[in-house]
Amino acid sequence: MEQGNSGHRRRLRQRVLQMGADSLQDYELIELLLHYSIPRKDTKPLAKHLLEKFKSIEYLIHASPDQVLAIDGIGEATVVQLQMIRRLRQRMIETEIASSNVLSSWQAVIDYCRSKIGFEDQENFAVLLLNSLNELIIFKILAKGTVNKVTAYPREIARLALENNAVSVVLVHNHPSGNTTPSKQDIEMTRNIRKVLMGIDVTLHDHLIISPGGETSFKTLGLLE
């Protein structure tokens, strides 16, 4: 059976080399990936089970180590592998936005924020501080809340902006429910933050609410007027 598995994996590798990774279905990508952390086992059933459990590759690489280790047949080597893939993806996006005008790379910013906090089980509140060229100075998570609430303090955001000589700010937090509609608390908190930032001559460009499958912009909704 091991010889049969070896032949199957060899054929998958040849498909990637000859036709590219796009020629593989999602479960086949996971299957081939698992080969390197579970070398002497038929990983097709496990790959299909992971995809069924986590719904997509994106959800899989953003799952917590405990969630992945809870799957029978998965060990630490696979968890490390998935964490490395997640971090590599984040660094690719970081490179894209690191020395560019953030406002002109908006989709990359959304993708980056989603990769950082969009898959969390609790609400996280973060800020992106920008310089006078709208380049990213720092991304920082300021607060972690519950499944449906997080509190950010305007003075803390103002202090962070002053310490880093930021000219403008983008706020972002996630909604684990998947519904990115701003709550009354979200709107009121954003108004308070904007008021404090105006007092120190720092511009609030936007407040994003993100989830694994979508995002909402306060600016687009006219909530920063």
N, C-alpha and C. Protein backbone atom coordinates (compact mmCIF):
# COMPACT_ATOMS: atom_id res chain seq x y z
N MET A 1 0.83 -1.21 0.00
CA MET A 1 0.00 0.00 0.00
C MET A 1 0.86 1.26 0.00
N GLU A 2 1.99 1.18 0.77
CA GLU A 2 2.88 2.34 0.82
C GLU A 2 3.44 2.66 -0.55
N GLN A 3 3.75 1.60 -1.33
CA GLN A 3 4.26 1.82 -2.68
C GLN A 3 3.22 2.49 -3.56
N GLY A 4 1.94 2.08 -3.37
CA GLY A 4 0.87 2.70 -4.13
C GLY A 4 0.71 4.17 -3.78
N ASN A 5 0.82 4.48 -2.48
CA ASN A 5 0.74 5.88 -2.04
C ASN A 5 1.87 6.69 -2.64
N SER A 6 3.07 6.08 -2.66
CA SER A 6 4.23 6.77 -3.21
C SER A 6 4.03 7.10 -4.68
N GLY A 7 3.46 6.15 -5.43
CA GLY A 7 3.20 6.39 -6.84
C GLY A 7 2.17 7.48 -7.06
N HIS A 8 1.13 7.49 -6.22
CA HIS A 8 0.09 8.50 -6.32
C HIS A 8 0.66 9.89 -6.04
N ARG A 9 1.47 9.99 -5.01
CA ARG A 9 2.08 11.29 -4.68
C ARG A 9 3.02 11.76 -5.77
N ARG A 10 3.73 10.80 -6.36
CA ARG A 10 4.64 11.15 -7.46
C ARG A 10 3.85 11.73 -8.63
N ARG A 11 2.70 11.14 -8.89
CA ARG A 11 1.86 11.65 -9.99
C ARG A 11 1.34 13.05 -9.68
N LEU A 12 0.98 13.29 -8.40
CA LEU A 12 0.53 14.63 -8.02
C LEU A 12 1.65 15.65 -8.20
N ARG A 13 2.86 15.29 -7.80
CA ARG A 13 4.00 16.19 -7.95
C ARG A 13 4.26 16.48 -9.43
N GLN A 14 4.15 15.45 -10.26
CA GLN A 14 4.38 15.64 -11.69
C GLN A 14 3.34 16.57 -12.30
N ARG A 15 2.09 16.46 -11.84
CA ARG A 15 1.05 17.37 -12.32
C ARG A 15 1.39 18.81 -11.98
N VAL A 16 1.89 19.02 -10.76
CA VAL A 16 2.27 20.37 -10.35
C VAL A 16 3.42 20.88 -11.22
N LEU A 17 4.42 20.04 -11.45
CA LEU A 17 5.58 20.44 -12.23
C LEU A 17 5.23 20.72 -13.69
N GLN A 18 4.32 19.92 -14.24
CA GLN A 18 4.00 20.04 -15.66
C GLN A 18 2.86 21.01 -15.94
N MET A 19 1.88 21.08 -15.02
CA MET A 19 0.67 21.87 -15.29
C MET A 19 0.44 22.99 -14.27
N GLY A 20 1.26 23.02 -13.22
CA GLY A 20 1.09 24.04 -12.20
C GLY A 20 0.16 23.57 -11.09
N ALA A 21 0.25 24.23 -9.94
CA ALA A 21 -0.56 23.84 -8.78
C ALA A 21 -2.05 24.08 -9.01
N ASP A 22 -2.40 24.94 -9.96
CA ASP A 22 -3.81 25.18 -10.25
C ASP A 22 -4.50 23.94 -10.79
N SER A 23 -3.71 22.96 -11.23
CA SER A 23 -4.30 21.73 -11.78
C SER A 23 -4.83 20.81 -10.68
N LEU A 24 -4.49 21.10 -9.42
CA LEU A 24 -4.92 20.27 -8.30
C LEU A 24 -6.18 20.83 -7.67
N GLN A 25 -7.07 19.94 -7.24
CA GLN A 25 -8.22 20.35 -6.46
C GLN A 25 -7.76 20.69 -5.05
N ASP A 26 -8.63 21.36 -4.29
CA ASP A 26 -8.23 21.81 -2.95
C ASP A 26 -7.77 20.65 -2.08
N TYR A 27 -8.52 19.55 -2.09
CA TYR A 27 -8.13 18.43 -1.22
C TYR A 27 -6.81 17.82 -1.67
N GLU A 28 -6.50 17.89 -2.97
CA GLU A 28 -5.24 17.36 -3.47
C GLU A 28 -4.06 18.25 -3.03
N LEU A 29 -4.29 19.56 -3.00
CA LEU A 29 -3.25 20.46 -2.49
C LEU A 29 -2.93 20.13 -1.03
N ILE A 30 -3.99 19.94 -0.23
CA ILE A 30 -3.79 19.60 1.18
C ILE A 30 -3.13 18.23 1.31
N GLU A 31 -3.58 17.30 0.48
CA GLU A 31 -3.02 15.94 0.51
C GLU A 31 -1.52 15.96 0.24
N LEU A 32 -1.11 16.69 -0.78
CA LEU A 32 0.31 16.76 -1.13
C LEU A 32 1.10 17.48 -0.04
N LEU A 33 0.49 18.49 0.54
CA LEU A 33 1.13 19.21 1.63
C LEU A 33 1.36 18.29 2.83
N LEU A 34 0.35 17.49 3.15
CA LEU A 34 0.44 16.58 4.30
C LEU A 34 1.52 15.52 4.09
N HIS A 35 1.82 15.22 2.85
CA HIS A 35 2.85 14.22 2.55
C HIS A 35 4.18 14.58 3.22
N TYR A 36 4.47 15.88 3.31
CA TYR A 36 5.77 16.30 3.84
C TYR A 36 5.81 16.27 5.37
N SER A 37 4.65 16.27 6.01
CA SER A 37 4.62 16.17 7.47
C SER A 37 4.17 14.79 7.94
N ILE A 38 3.51 14.04 7.04
CA ILE A 38 3.09 12.66 7.36
C ILE A 38 3.54 11.80 6.18
N PRO A 39 4.82 11.47 6.09
CA PRO A 39 5.39 10.89 4.86
C PRO A 39 4.98 9.46 4.52
N ARG A 40 4.61 8.65 5.48
CA ARG A 40 4.34 7.24 5.18
C ARG A 40 2.90 6.85 5.49
N LYS A 41 1.97 7.62 4.93
CA LYS A 41 0.57 7.36 5.18
C LYS A 41 -0.26 7.89 4.02
N ASP A 42 -1.35 7.21 3.72
CA ASP A 42 -2.29 7.71 2.71
C ASP A 42 -3.00 8.92 3.31
N THR A 43 -2.69 10.11 2.82
CA THR A 43 -3.23 11.33 3.42
C THR A 43 -4.47 11.87 2.70
N LYS A 44 -4.93 11.16 1.67
CA LYS A 44 -6.12 11.65 0.96
C LYS A 44 -7.35 11.71 1.87
N PRO A 45 -7.67 10.64 2.63
CA PRO A 45 -8.84 10.73 3.52
C PRO A 45 -8.72 11.85 4.55
N LEU A 46 -7.50 12.03 5.09
CA LEU A 46 -7.29 13.08 6.08
C LEU A 46 -7.43 14.46 5.44
N ALA A 47 -6.93 14.61 4.23
CA ALA A 47 -7.05 15.89 3.52
C ALA A 47 -8.51 16.24 3.28
N LYS A 48 -9.30 15.26 2.86
CA LYS A 48 -10.73 15.50 2.63
C LYS A 48 -11.45 15.82 3.93
N HIS A 49 -11.04 15.16 5.01
CA HIS A 49 -11.66 15.41 6.31
C HIS A 49 -11.35 16.83 6.79
N LEU A 50 -10.11 17.27 6.61
CA LEU A 50 -9.72 18.63 7.01
C LEU A 50 -10.52 19.67 6.23
N LEU A 51 -10.69 19.43 4.95
CA LEU A 51 -11.43 20.37 4.11
C LEU A 51 -12.90 20.40 4.51
N GLU A 52 -13.45 19.24 4.85
CA GLU A 52 -14.84 19.18 5.30
C GLU A 52 -15.00 19.88 6.65
N LYS A 53 -14.03 19.69 7.54
CA LYS A 53 -14.09 20.26 8.88
C LYS A 53 -13.95 21.78 8.86
N PHE A 54 -12.97 22.29 8.11
CA PHE A 54 -12.66 23.72 8.15
C PHE A 54 -13.24 24.50 6.97
N LYS A 55 -13.91 23.80 6.04
CA LYS A 55 -14.68 24.43 4.95
C LYS A 55 -13.83 24.96 3.80
N SER A 56 -12.62 25.43 4.07
CA SER A 56 -11.77 25.96 2.99
C SER A 56 -10.32 25.94 3.44
N ILE A 57 -9.41 26.07 2.47
CA ILE A 57 -7.99 26.14 2.80
C ILE A 57 -7.70 27.38 3.64
N GLU A 58 -8.38 28.47 3.33
CA GLU A 58 -8.17 29.72 4.08
C GLU A 58 -8.50 29.53 5.56
N TYR A 59 -9.63 28.91 5.84
CA TYR A 59 -10.00 28.64 7.23
C TYR A 59 -9.01 27.68 7.88
N LEU A 60 -8.53 26.73 7.12
CA LEU A 60 -7.59 25.74 7.67
C LEU A 60 -6.29 26.39 8.13
N ILE A 61 -5.71 27.24 7.29
CA ILE A 61 -4.42 27.83 7.66
C ILE A 61 -4.56 28.87 8.77
N HIS A 62 -5.79 29.36 8.99
CA HIS A 62 -6.01 30.32 10.06
C HIS A 62 -6.58 29.67 11.32
N ALA A 63 -6.76 28.37 11.30
CA ALA A 63 -7.24 27.67 12.50
C ALA A 63 -6.16 27.69 13.57
N SER A 64 -6.57 27.65 14.82
CA SER A 64 -5.61 27.63 15.92
C SER A 64 -4.93 26.27 15.99
N PRO A 65 -3.72 26.21 16.55
CA PRO A 65 -3.04 24.92 16.71
C PRO A 65 -3.89 23.89 17.43
N ASP A 66 -4.60 24.31 18.47
CA ASP A 66 -5.44 23.37 19.22
C ASP A 66 -6.56 22.80 18.35
N GLN A 67 -7.13 23.64 17.50
CA GLN A 67 -8.20 23.17 16.62
C GLN A 67 -7.69 22.12 15.64
N VAL A 68 -6.49 22.34 15.11
CA VAL A 68 -5.93 21.40 14.14
C VAL A 68 -5.47 20.12 14.83
N LEU A 69 -4.84 20.26 15.99
CA LEU A 69 -4.36 19.09 16.72
C LEU A 69 -5.49 18.20 17.21
N ALA A 70 -6.69 18.76 17.30
CA ALA A 70 -7.84 17.97 17.75
C ALA A 70 -8.28 16.96 16.69
N ILE A 71 -7.78 17.11 15.47
CA ILE A 71 -8.12 16.18 14.39
C ILE A 71 -7.25 14.93 14.50
N ASP A 72 -7.87 13.78 14.54
CA ASP A 72 -7.14 12.52 14.65
C ASP A 72 -6.21 12.33 13.45
N GLY A 73 -4.95 12.05 13.73
CA GLY A 73 -3.97 11.84 12.67
C GLY A 73 -3.08 13.03 12.41
N ILE A 74 -3.41 14.17 13.03
CA ILE A 74 -2.61 15.39 12.84
C ILE A 74 -1.64 15.54 14.01
N GLY A 75 -0.38 15.84 13.69
CA GLY A 75 0.62 16.05 14.72
C GLY A 75 1.20 17.45 14.65
N GLU A 76 2.19 17.70 15.48
CA GLU A 76 2.77 19.04 15.57
C GLU A 76 3.45 19.47 14.28
N ALA A 77 4.01 18.51 13.54
CA ALA A 77 4.70 18.86 12.29
C ALA A 77 3.73 19.51 11.30
N THR A 78 2.51 19.00 11.22
CA THR A 78 1.52 19.58 10.32
C THR A 78 1.09 20.96 10.80
N VAL A 79 0.93 21.11 12.11
CA VAL A 79 0.54 22.41 12.66
C VAL A 79 1.61 23.46 12.35
N VAL A 80 2.87 23.10 12.54
CA VAL A 80 3.97 24.02 12.23
C VAL A 80 3.94 24.39 10.75
N GLN A 81 3.71 23.42 9.91
CA GLN A 81 3.66 23.64 8.47
C GLN A 81 2.56 24.65 8.11
N LEU A 82 1.38 24.47 8.68
CA LEU A 82 0.26 25.37 8.40
C LEU A 82 0.53 26.77 8.93
N GLN A 83 1.14 26.86 10.11
CA GLN A 83 1.48 28.17 10.68
C GLN A 83 2.50 28.89 9.81
N MET A 84 3.44 28.15 9.26
CA MET A 84 4.45 28.76 8.38
C MET A 84 3.81 29.28 7.10
N ILE A 85 2.87 28.52 6.54
CA ILE A 85 2.17 28.97 5.33
C ILE A 85 1.39 30.25 5.62
N ARG A 86 0.72 30.27 6.77
CA ARG A 86 -0.04 31.47 7.15
C ARG A 86 0.88 32.68 7.26
N ARG A 87 2.02 32.50 7.92
CA ARG A 87 2.94 33.62 8.12
C ARG A 87 3.59 34.06 6.81
N LEU A 88 3.91 33.11 5.94
CA LEU A 88 4.46 33.46 4.64
C LEU A 88 3.48 34.32 3.85
N ARG A 89 2.21 33.94 3.91
CA ARG A 89 1.19 34.71 3.20
C ARG A 89 1.10 36.13 3.75
N GLN A 90 1.13 36.26 5.09
CA GLN A 90 1.09 37.58 5.70
C GLN A 90 2.29 38.42 5.29
N ARG A 91 3.46 37.81 5.26
CA ARG A 91 4.66 38.58 4.91
C ARG A 91 4.66 39.02 3.45
N MET A 92 4.07 38.22 2.59
CA MET A 92 3.94 38.63 1.19
C MET A 92 3.09 39.89 1.08
N ILE A 93 1.98 39.92 1.84
CA ILE A 93 1.11 41.10 1.80
C ILE A 93 1.80 42.28 2.47
N GLU A 94 2.51 42.02 3.58
CA GLU A 94 3.25 43.08 4.25
C GLU A 94 4.25 43.74 3.31
N THR A 95 4.93 42.92 2.53
CA THR A 95 5.90 43.44 1.57
C THR A 95 5.23 44.34 0.54
N GLU A 96 4.02 43.95 0.14
CA GLU A 96 3.29 44.73 -0.87
C GLU A 96 2.90 46.11 -0.35
N ILE A 97 2.54 46.19 0.94
CA ILE A 97 2.07 47.47 1.47
C ILE A 97 3.13 48.23 2.27
N ALA A 98 4.29 47.59 2.50
CA ALA A 98 5.28 48.18 3.40
C ALA A 98 5.78 49.54 2.94
N SER A 99 6.07 49.69 1.67
CA SER A 99 6.66 50.94 1.19
C SER A 99 5.82 51.58 0.10
N SER A 100 4.52 51.37 0.17
CA SER A 100 3.63 51.95 -0.84
C SER A 100 2.57 52.80 -0.16
N ASN A 101 1.87 53.57 -0.95
CA ASN A 101 0.76 54.36 -0.45
C ASN A 101 -0.37 53.40 -0.09
N VAL A 102 -0.64 53.29 1.21
CA VAL A 102 -1.63 52.33 1.68
C VAL A 102 -2.99 52.57 1.04
N LEU A 103 -3.34 53.82 0.85
CA LEU A 103 -4.66 54.15 0.32
C LEU A 103 -4.81 53.75 -1.14
N SER A 104 -3.69 53.54 -1.84
CA SER A 104 -3.75 53.08 -3.23
C SER A 104 -3.57 51.57 -3.33
N SER A 105 -3.36 50.91 -2.19
CA SER A 105 -3.24 49.45 -2.15
C SER A 105 -4.30 48.90 -1.21
N TRP A 106 -5.51 49.41 -1.37
CA TRP A 106 -6.56 49.18 -0.38
C TRP A 106 -6.94 47.71 -0.24
N GLN A 107 -7.01 46.98 -1.36
CA GLN A 107 -7.37 45.57 -1.27
C GLN A 107 -6.30 44.78 -0.52
N ALA A 108 -5.04 45.16 -0.72
CA ALA A 108 -3.96 44.50 0.01
C ALA A 108 -4.08 44.77 1.51
N VAL A 109 -4.49 45.99 1.86
CA VAL A 109 -4.69 46.34 3.27
C VAL A 109 -5.80 45.48 3.87
N ILE A 110 -6.90 45.35 3.14
CA ILE A 110 -8.01 44.52 3.62
C ILE A 110 -7.56 43.07 3.78
N ASP A 111 -6.84 42.56 2.80
CA ASP A 111 -6.35 41.18 2.87
C ASP A 111 -5.42 40.99 4.06
N TYR A 112 -4.58 41.99 4.30
CA TYR A 112 -3.63 41.91 5.42
C TYR A 112 -4.37 41.90 6.75
N CYS A 113 -5.32 42.82 6.90
CA CYS A 113 -6.09 42.88 8.15
C CYS A 113 -6.88 41.60 8.37
N ARG A 114 -7.44 41.07 7.29
CA ARG A 114 -8.19 39.82 7.41
C ARG A 114 -7.27 38.69 7.86
N SER A 115 -6.07 38.64 7.30
CA SER A 115 -5.15 37.57 7.67
C SER A 115 -4.67 37.70 9.12
N LYS A 116 -4.67 38.92 9.65
CA LYS A 116 -4.20 39.15 11.01
C LYS A 116 -5.29 38.87 12.05
N ILE A 117 -6.52 39.35 11.80
CA ILE A 117 -7.55 39.22 12.84
C ILE A 117 -8.90 38.73 12.31
N GLY A 118 -9.05 38.60 11.00
CA GLY A 118 -10.36 38.30 10.43
C GLY A 118 -10.93 36.94 10.78
N PHE A 119 -10.07 36.01 11.18
CA PHE A 119 -10.53 34.65 11.48
C PHE A 119 -10.58 34.36 12.98
N GLU A 120 -10.39 35.39 13.79
CA GLU A 120 -10.39 35.19 15.24
C GLU A 120 -11.80 34.90 15.76
N ASP A 121 -11.87 34.13 16.85
CA ASP A 121 -13.16 33.77 17.45
C ASP A 121 -13.73 34.87 18.33
N GLN A 122 -12.88 35.80 18.75
CA GLN A 122 -13.32 36.95 19.53
C GLN A 122 -13.03 38.22 18.74
N GLU A 123 -13.75 39.28 19.07
CA GLU A 123 -13.51 40.55 18.39
C GLU A 123 -12.14 41.11 18.81
N ASN A 124 -11.38 41.55 17.82
CA ASN A 124 -10.09 42.20 18.02
C ASN A 124 -10.15 43.59 17.42
N PHE A 125 -9.55 44.56 18.10
CA PHE A 125 -9.52 45.93 17.60
C PHE A 125 -8.07 46.32 17.34
N ALA A 126 -7.80 46.81 16.13
CA ALA A 126 -6.43 47.15 15.75
C ALA A 126 -6.39 48.49 15.03
N VAL A 127 -5.19 49.04 14.93
CA VAL A 127 -4.99 50.29 14.21
C VAL A 127 -3.83 50.15 13.24
N LEU A 128 -3.94 50.86 12.13
CA LEU A 128 -2.83 51.03 11.21
C LEU A 128 -2.45 52.51 11.26
N LEU A 129 -1.21 52.78 11.63
CA LEU A 129 -0.72 54.15 11.70
C LEU A 129 0.05 54.48 10.42
N LEU A 130 -0.25 55.64 9.83
CA LEU A 130 0.35 56.02 8.55
C LEU A 130 1.15 57.31 8.69
N ASN A 131 2.19 57.44 7.85
CA ASN A 131 2.97 58.68 7.84
C ASN A 131 2.40 59.66 6.82
N SER A 132 3.13 60.73 6.55
CA SER A 132 2.63 61.78 5.65
C SER A 132 2.50 61.31 4.21
N LEU A 133 3.17 60.21 3.85
CA LEU A 133 3.07 59.64 2.50
C LEU A 133 2.06 58.50 2.45
N ASN A 134 1.29 58.36 3.52
CA ASN A 134 0.31 57.28 3.65
C ASN A 134 0.96 55.90 3.62
N GLU A 135 2.21 55.83 4.09
CA GLU A 135 2.90 54.55 4.22
C GLU A 135 2.67 54.01 5.62
N LEU A 136 2.63 52.69 5.72
CA LEU A 136 2.35 52.05 7.01
C LEU A 136 3.54 52.19 7.95
N ILE A 137 3.28 52.73 9.13
CA ILE A 137 4.29 52.81 10.19
C ILE A 137 4.23 51.54 11.04
N ILE A 138 3.01 51.22 11.46
CA ILE A 138 2.84 50.06 12.33
C ILE A 138 1.39 49.58 12.29
N PHE A 139 1.22 48.28 12.42
CA PHE A 139 -0.10 47.68 12.65
C PHE A 139 -0.07 47.13 14.07
N LYS A 140 -1.06 47.50 14.86
CA LYS A 140 -1.04 47.07 16.27
C LYS A 140 -2.43 46.69 16.74
N ILE A 141 -2.53 45.51 17.35
CA ILE A 141 -3.77 45.09 17.99
C ILE A 141 -3.83 45.72 19.37
N LEU A 142 -4.88 46.49 19.62
CA LEU A 142 -5.00 47.23 20.88
C LEU A 142 -5.89 46.55 21.90
N ALA A 143 -6.83 45.74 21.44
CA ALA A 143 -7.77 45.15 22.40
C ALA A 143 -8.35 43.86 21.85
N LYS A 144 -8.61 42.94 22.76
CA LYS A 144 -9.31 41.69 22.44
C LYS A 144 -10.55 41.65 23.32
N GLY A 145 -11.69 41.33 22.71
CA GLY A 145 -12.94 41.35 23.44
C GLY A 145 -13.61 39.99 23.52
N THR A 146 -14.92 40.00 23.38
CA THR A 146 -15.72 38.77 23.42
C THR A 146 -16.15 38.42 22.00
N VAL A 147 -17.08 37.49 21.87
CA VAL A 147 -17.53 37.08 20.54
C VAL A 147 -18.31 38.17 19.83
N ASN A 148 -18.82 39.15 20.58
CA ASN A 148 -19.63 40.19 19.93
C ASN A 148 -19.37 41.60 20.45
N LYS A 149 -18.22 41.80 21.12
CA LYS A 149 -17.96 43.13 21.65
C LYS A 149 -16.47 43.32 21.90
N VAL A 150 -15.98 44.52 21.57
CA VAL A 150 -14.62 44.90 21.91
C VAL A 150 -14.62 46.41 22.16
N THR A 151 -13.81 46.83 23.10
CA THR A 151 -13.76 48.25 23.46
C THR A 151 -12.37 48.81 23.18
N ALA A 152 -12.33 49.93 22.49
CA ALA A 152 -11.08 50.63 22.23
C ALA A 152 -11.16 52.02 22.87
N TYR A 153 -10.05 52.50 23.37
CA TYR A 153 -10.04 53.77 24.09
C TYR A 153 -9.39 54.86 23.24
N PRO A 154 -10.13 55.92 22.94
CA PRO A 154 -9.63 56.98 22.07
C PRO A 154 -8.29 57.55 22.50
N ARG A 155 -8.10 57.77 23.79
CA ARG A 155 -6.85 58.38 24.26
C ARG A 155 -5.65 57.45 24.04
N GLU A 156 -5.89 56.14 24.12
CA GLU A 156 -4.80 55.20 23.86
C GLU A 156 -4.38 55.25 22.40
N ILE A 157 -5.37 55.38 21.50
CA ILE A 157 -5.08 55.48 20.07
C ILE A 157 -4.35 56.78 19.78
N ALA A 158 -4.79 57.87 20.42
CA ALA A 158 -4.13 59.16 20.23
C ALA A 158 -2.69 59.11 20.73
N ARG A 159 -2.48 58.49 21.88
CA ARG A 159 -1.12 58.38 22.43
C ARG A 159 -0.22 57.59 21.49
N LEU A 160 -0.74 56.50 20.95
CA LEU A 160 0.04 55.67 20.03
C LEU A 160 0.39 56.45 18.76
N ALA A 161 -0.57 57.23 18.27
CA ALA A 161 -0.33 58.04 17.07
C ALA A 161 0.76 59.07 17.32
N LEU A 162 0.73 59.72 18.47
CA LEU A 162 1.73 60.73 18.80
C LEU A 162 3.11 60.10 18.98
N GLU A 163 3.16 58.96 19.65
CA GLU A 163 4.44 58.29 19.90
C GLU A 163 5.12 57.86 18.60
N ASN A 164 4.32 57.57 17.58
CA ASN A 164 4.86 57.08 16.31
C ASN A 164 4.86 58.14 15.21
N ASN A 165 4.57 59.39 15.59
CA ASN A 165 4.54 60.50 14.63
C ASN A 165 3.61 60.21 13.45
N ALA A 166 2.49 59.59 13.74
CA ALA A 166 1.53 59.26 12.69
C ALA A 166 0.76 60.51 12.26
N VAL A 167 0.46 60.58 10.98
CA VAL A 167 -0.32 61.68 10.43
C VAL A 167 -1.78 61.27 10.27
N SER A 168 -1.99 59.97 10.06
CA SER A 168 -3.35 59.47 9.88
C SER A 168 -3.46 58.05 10.41
N VAL A 169 -4.71 57.60 10.53
CA VAL A 169 -5.00 56.31 11.17
C VAL A 169 -6.11 55.60 10.41
N VAL A 170 -5.99 54.28 10.33
CA VAL A 170 -7.09 53.42 9.88
C VAL A 170 -7.42 52.48 11.03
N LEU A 171 -8.68 52.43 11.41
CA LEU A 171 -9.14 51.52 12.46
C LEU A 171 -9.66 50.24 11.81
N VAL A 172 -9.53 49.14 12.51
CA VAL A 172 -10.08 47.88 11.99
C VAL A 172 -10.43 46.97 13.15
N HIS A 173 -11.59 46.33 13.05
CA HIS A 173 -11.91 45.26 13.99
C HIS A 173 -12.73 44.20 13.27
N ASN A 174 -12.78 43.03 13.85
CA ASN A 174 -13.45 41.90 13.20
C ASN A 174 -14.78 41.58 13.88
N HIS A 175 -15.67 40.98 13.10
CA HIS A 175 -16.93 40.46 13.60
C HIS A 175 -16.95 38.95 13.37
N PRO A 176 -16.72 38.15 14.40
CA PRO A 176 -16.69 36.70 14.24
C PRO A 176 -17.99 36.11 13.68
N SER A 177 -19.10 36.82 13.85
CA SER A 177 -20.38 36.32 13.36
C SER A 177 -20.44 36.28 11.84
N GLY A 178 -19.56 37.05 11.18
CA GLY A 178 -19.59 37.14 9.73
C GLY A 178 -20.41 38.31 9.22
N ASN A 179 -21.25 38.89 10.08
CA ASN A 179 -22.05 40.06 9.71
C ASN A 179 -21.23 41.32 10.01
N THR A 180 -20.82 42.03 8.97
CA THR A 180 -19.95 43.19 9.16
C THR A 180 -20.70 44.51 9.26
N THR A 181 -22.00 44.45 9.49
CA THR A 181 -22.78 45.67 9.69
C THR A 181 -22.36 46.35 10.99
N PRO A 182 -22.04 47.65 10.96
CA PRO A 182 -21.63 48.33 12.20
C PRO A 182 -22.77 48.38 13.22
N SER A 183 -22.44 48.14 14.48
CA SER A 183 -23.42 48.26 15.54
C SER A 183 -23.48 49.72 16.00
N LYS A 184 -24.48 50.06 16.80
CA LYS A 184 -24.56 51.41 17.35
C LYS A 184 -23.33 51.72 18.18
N GLN A 185 -22.84 50.72 18.92
CA GLN A 185 -21.64 50.91 19.72
C GLN A 185 -20.43 51.18 18.82
N ASP A 186 -20.33 50.45 17.70
CA ASP A 186 -19.22 50.67 16.76
C ASP A 186 -19.23 52.11 16.24
N ILE A 187 -20.41 52.58 15.89
CA ILE A 187 -20.54 53.93 15.32
C ILE A 187 -20.19 54.99 16.36
N GLU A 188 -20.71 54.83 17.58
CA GLU A 188 -20.44 55.80 18.63
C GLU A 188 -18.97 55.81 19.01
N MET A 189 -18.37 54.62 19.12
CA MET A 189 -16.95 54.53 19.47
C MET A 189 -16.09 55.20 18.40
N THR A 190 -16.44 55.00 17.14
CA THR A 190 -15.68 55.60 16.04
C THR A 190 -15.77 57.12 16.07
N ARG A 191 -16.94 57.64 16.35
CA ARG A 191 -17.11 59.09 16.44
C ARG A 191 -16.26 59.67 17.56
N ASN A 192 -16.21 58.98 18.68
CA ASN A 192 -15.40 59.46 19.81
C ASN A 192 -13.91 59.43 19.47
N ILE A 193 -13.48 58.37 18.80
CA ILE A 193 -12.07 58.27 18.41
C ILE A 193 -11.73 59.38 17.41
N ARG A 194 -12.60 59.59 16.43
CA ARG A 194 -12.35 60.62 15.42
C ARG A 194 -12.25 62.00 16.06
N LYS A 195 -13.10 62.27 17.04
CA LYS A 195 -13.09 63.56 17.72
C LYS A 195 -11.77 63.79 18.45
N VAL A 196 -11.29 62.77 19.15
CA VAL A 196 -10.02 62.89 19.87
C VAL A 196 -8.85 63.05 18.90
N LEU A 197 -8.86 62.30 17.80
CA LEU A 197 -7.78 62.40 16.81
C LEU A 197 -7.76 63.78 16.14
N MET A 198 -8.93 64.33 15.89
CA MET A 198 -8.99 65.67 15.31
C MET A 198 -8.32 66.68 16.23
N GLY A 199 -8.43 66.45 17.53
CA GLY A 199 -7.84 67.37 18.51
C GLY A 199 -6.33 67.38 18.49
N ILE A 200 -5.71 66.33 17.94
CA ILE A 200 -4.24 66.29 17.83
C ILE A 200 -3.81 66.35 16.36
N ASP A 201 -4.74 66.76 15.49
CA ASP A 201 -4.45 66.95 14.07
C ASP A 201 -4.03 65.66 13.37
N VAL A 202 -4.70 64.56 13.72
CA VAL A 202 -4.48 63.27 13.07
C VAL A 202 -5.77 62.87 12.36
N THR A 203 -5.65 62.49 11.09
CA THR A 203 -6.81 62.16 10.27
C THR A 203 -7.23 60.71 10.45
N LEU A 204 -8.52 60.49 10.60
CA LEU A 204 -9.05 59.12 10.58
C LEU A 204 -9.52 58.83 9.16
N HIS A 205 -8.77 57.98 8.45
CA HIS A 205 -9.11 57.68 7.06
C HIS A 205 -10.32 56.77 6.94
N ASP A 206 -10.39 55.77 7.81
CA ASP A 206 -11.48 54.81 7.69
C ASP A 206 -11.52 53.91 8.92
N HIS A 207 -12.63 53.24 9.08
CA HIS A 207 -12.77 52.18 10.07
C HIS A 207 -13.34 50.98 9.31
N LEU A 208 -12.60 49.89 9.30
CA LEU A 208 -13.01 48.68 8.61
C LEU A 208 -13.52 47.65 9.60
N ILE A 209 -14.63 47.02 9.25
CA ILE A 209 -15.09 45.84 9.98
C ILE A 209 -14.92 44.67 9.03
N ILE A 210 -14.20 43.65 9.47
CA ILE A 210 -13.89 42.53 8.58
C ILE A 210 -14.36 41.21 9.16
N SER A 211 -14.56 40.27 8.27
CA SER A 211 -14.88 38.89 8.63
C SER A 211 -14.16 38.01 7.61
N PRO A 212 -14.19 36.70 7.77
CA PRO A 212 -13.52 35.86 6.78
C PRO A 212 -14.02 36.06 5.36
N GLY A 213 -15.28 36.44 5.21
CA GLY A 213 -15.83 36.52 3.87
C GLY A 213 -16.25 37.89 3.39
N GLY A 214 -15.96 38.93 4.16
CA GLY A 214 -16.40 40.25 3.72
C GLY A 214 -15.84 41.36 4.58
N GLU A 215 -16.19 42.59 4.21
CA GLU A 215 -15.75 43.76 4.97
C GLU A 215 -16.71 44.91 4.74
N THR A 216 -16.71 45.84 5.69
CA THR A 216 -17.53 47.05 5.58
C THR A 216 -16.66 48.25 5.92
N SER A 217 -16.78 49.30 5.12
CA SER A 217 -16.02 50.53 5.31
C SER A 217 -16.94 51.62 5.85
N PHE A 218 -16.55 52.21 6.98
CA PHE A 218 -17.32 53.33 7.53
C PHE A 218 -17.31 54.51 6.56
N LYS A 219 -16.19 54.72 5.89
CA LYS A 219 -16.09 55.83 4.94
C LYS A 219 -17.07 55.65 3.80
N THR A 220 -17.14 54.44 3.26
CA THR A 220 -18.06 54.16 2.16
C THR A 220 -19.50 54.36 2.58
N LEU A 221 -19.81 54.03 3.83
CA LEU A 221 -21.17 54.19 4.34
C LEU A 221 -21.49 55.63 4.74
N GLY A 222 -20.50 56.51 4.67
CA GLY A 222 -20.71 57.90 5.05
C GLY A 222 -20.77 58.11 6.55
N LEU A 223 -20.14 57.22 7.31
CA LEU A 223 -20.21 57.30 8.77
C LEU A 223 -19.05 58.07 9.39
N LEU A 224 -18.22 58.68 8.55
CA LEU A 224 -17.11 59.48 9.07
C LEU A 224 -17.33 60.97 8.82
N GLU A 225 -18.55 61.31 8.46
CA GLU A 225 -18.85 62.73 8.18
C GLU A 225 -18.96 63.51 9.48
